[in-house]
Amino acid sequence: MDAILSTLGTGLPVLVVQLGLTLILLAVGAACYMALTPFREITMIRAGNTAAGVVLGGTLVALAMPLAATLATSRVTLDILVWGLVALVLQLLCFVAVSALFRDLRKAIENGNLSAAIALVGAQLAVAMLNAGAMGG
């Protein structure tokens, strides 16, 4: 029992710091994403726009996936910060690329077009899985 308590005593503070840092990175990524998008997801969600909810929910999952891989494979907090930032930049670039490919994406999401929302989220999740695989080694 002493070994378990000793491990918990040294491991728990590291877990709290690294998880906290990763949650902050997720929040920063979400804030950057919402600043980057041409539409206001929160306002549209409050108005009942399902497509906006799908996009924001999918984006949060897509941002979290490579962050989770970095958290799972990194032992050093600075490593999590650096690779977490790289992961977020790659995910944001994915959104920019998909937006360039889909004409009138803003209008489609604002009009509640679920097919456009699902296509965007699908692309984001595909890149997130590849990003997470690369981050995980």
Protein backbone atom coordinates (compact mmCIF):
# COMPACT_ATOMS: atom_id res chain seq x y z
CA MET A 1 0.00 0.00 0.00
CA ASP A 2 2.89 2.37 0.73
CA ALA A 3 4.19 1.93 -2.82
CA ILE A 4 0.79 2.84 -4.25
CA LEU A 5 0.51 5.96 -2.08
CA SER A 6 4.06 6.96 -2.95
CA THR A 7 3.38 6.59 -6.68
CA LEU A 8 0.12 8.50 -6.32
CA GLY A 9 1.89 11.26 -4.40
CA THR A 10 4.44 11.81 -7.15
CA GLY A 11 2.24 11.00 -10.16
CA LEU A 12 -0.93 12.90 -9.29
CA PRO A 13 0.64 16.38 -9.40
CA VAL A 14 2.18 15.59 -12.81
CA LEU A 15 -1.17 14.32 -14.07
CA VAL A 16 -2.96 17.45 -12.87
CA VAL A 17 -0.40 19.78 -14.47
CA GLN A 18 -0.30 17.93 -17.79
CA LEU A 19 -4.07 17.48 -18.02
CA GLY A 20 -4.58 21.13 -17.07
CA LEU A 21 -2.13 22.24 -19.77
CA THR A 22 -3.87 20.07 -22.35
CA LEU A 23 -7.28 21.48 -21.40
CA ILE A 24 -5.87 24.99 -21.74
CA LEU A 25 -4.50 24.06 -25.18
CA LEU A 26 -7.93 22.73 -26.15
CA ALA A 27 -9.56 25.98 -25.00
CA VAL A 28 -6.99 28.04 -26.91
CA GLY A 29 -7.53 25.91 -30.01
CA ALA A 30 -11.30 26.30 -29.75
CA ALA A 31 -10.98 30.06 -29.27
CA CYS A 32 -8.65 30.34 -32.27
CA TYR A 33 -11.02 28.21 -34.34
CA MET A 34 -14.02 30.38 -33.43
CA ALA A 35 -12.04 33.52 -34.24
CA LEU A 36 -10.96 32.00 -37.56
CA THR A 37 -14.39 30.88 -38.75
CA PRO A 38 -16.54 33.29 -40.69
CA PHE A 39 -19.62 32.33 -38.69
CA ARG A 40 -20.56 32.65 -35.02
CA GLU A 41 -21.24 29.12 -33.85
CA ILE A 42 -22.40 29.96 -30.33
CA THR A 43 -24.99 32.47 -31.59
CA MET A 44 -26.23 30.03 -34.21
CA ILE A 45 -26.40 27.16 -31.71
CA ARG A 46 -28.45 29.32 -29.34
CA ALA A 47 -30.79 30.02 -32.27
CA GLY A 48 -31.23 26.27 -32.82
CA ASN A 49 -28.92 25.78 -35.82
CA THR A 50 -28.11 22.07 -35.72
CA ALA A 51 -25.42 22.34 -38.40
CA ALA A 52 -23.50 24.84 -36.28
CA GLY A 53 -23.73 22.49 -33.30
CA VAL A 54 -22.43 19.59 -35.36
CA VAL A 55 -19.53 21.70 -36.63
CA LEU A 56 -18.53 23.01 -33.21
CA GLY A 57 -18.87 19.61 -31.53
CA GLY A 58 -16.90 17.89 -34.29
CA THR A 59 -14.25 20.58 -34.18
CA LEU A 60 -13.75 20.13 -30.43
CA VAL A 61 -13.30 16.38 -30.91
CA ALA A 62 -10.94 16.96 -33.84
CA LEU A 63 -8.86 19.38 -31.77
CA ALA A 64 -8.80 17.01 -28.79
CA MET A 65 -7.67 13.89 -30.66
CA PRO A 66 -4.07 14.90 -31.44
CA LEU A 67 -3.82 16.63 -28.06
CA ALA A 68 -4.82 13.36 -26.40
CA ALA A 69 -2.17 11.49 -28.39
CA THR A 70 0.46 13.99 -27.32
CA LEU A 71 -0.68 13.75 -23.71
CA ALA A 72 -0.59 9.95 -23.82
CA THR A 73 2.88 9.67 -25.32
CA SER A 74 4.80 12.60 -23.83
CA ARG A 75 6.51 12.40 -20.49
CA VAL A 76 7.68 16.00 -20.36
CA THR A 77 5.24 18.89 -19.93
CA LEU A 78 7.16 21.13 -22.34
CA ASP A 79 6.87 18.39 -24.96
CA ILE A 80 3.08 18.43 -24.52
CA LEU A 81 3.03 22.20 -24.94
CA VAL A 82 5.19 22.28 -28.07
CA TRP A 83 3.58 19.32 -29.86
CA GLY A 84 0.14 20.37 -28.67
CA LEU A 85 0.60 23.75 -30.34
CA VAL A 86 1.82 22.04 -33.53
CA ALA A 87 -1.27 19.79 -33.45
CA LEU A 88 -3.59 22.77 -33.07
CA VAL A 89 -1.97 24.65 -35.94
CA LEU A 90 -2.36 21.60 -38.19
CA GLN A 91 -6.02 21.26 -37.27
CA LEU A 92 -6.69 24.94 -37.90
CA LEU A 93 -4.95 24.67 -41.27
CA CYS A 94 -7.26 21.76 -42.06
CA PHE A 95 -10.27 24.02 -41.49
CA VAL A 96 -8.77 26.69 -43.75
CA ALA A 97 -8.14 24.12 -46.49
CA VAL A 98 -11.61 22.60 -46.27
CA SER A 99 -13.18 26.07 -46.28
CA ALA A 100 -11.29 26.88 -49.45
CA LEU A 101 -12.54 23.68 -51.10
CA PHE A 102 -16.19 24.06 -50.12
CA ARG A 103 -17.61 27.18 -51.69
CA ASP A 104 -20.27 28.96 -49.69
CA LEU A 105 -19.48 26.93 -46.55
CA ARG A 106 -20.40 29.88 -44.37
CA LYS A 107 -23.77 30.29 -46.01
CA ALA A 108 -24.46 26.54 -45.87
CA ILE A 109 -23.72 26.34 -42.12
CA GLU A 110 -25.69 29.51 -41.41
CA ASN A 111 -28.63 27.99 -43.31
CA GLY A 112 -28.42 24.82 -41.21
CA ASN A 113 -27.14 22.59 -44.00
CA LEU A 114 -26.26 19.37 -42.18
CA SER A 115 -24.57 17.78 -45.18
CA ALA A 116 -22.06 20.64 -45.31
CA ALA A 117 -21.51 20.40 -41.55
CA ILE A 118 -20.93 16.65 -41.71
CA ALA A 119 -18.51 16.99 -44.64
CA LEU A 120 -16.51 19.62 -42.74
CA VAL A 121 -16.45 17.55 -39.55
CA GLY A 122 -15.52 14.42 -41.50
CA ALA A 123 -12.51 16.15 -43.02
CA GLN A 124 -11.49 17.57 -39.65
CA LEU A 125 -11.77 14.17 -37.94
CA ALA A 126 -9.84 12.43 -40.73
CA VAL A 127 -6.97 14.89 -40.37
CA ALA A 128 -7.22 14.66 -36.57
CA MET A 129 -6.80 10.88 -36.67
CA LEU A 130 -3.75 11.17 -38.91
CA ASN A 131 -2.42 14.02 -36.79
CA ALA A 132 -2.92 11.96 -33.61
CA GLY A 133 -1.19 8.97 -35.18
CA ALA A 134 1.77 11.13 -36.13
CA MET A 135 1.87 12.71 -32.68
CA GLY A 136 1.70 9.33 -31.01
CA GLY A 137 4.75 8.11 -32.87
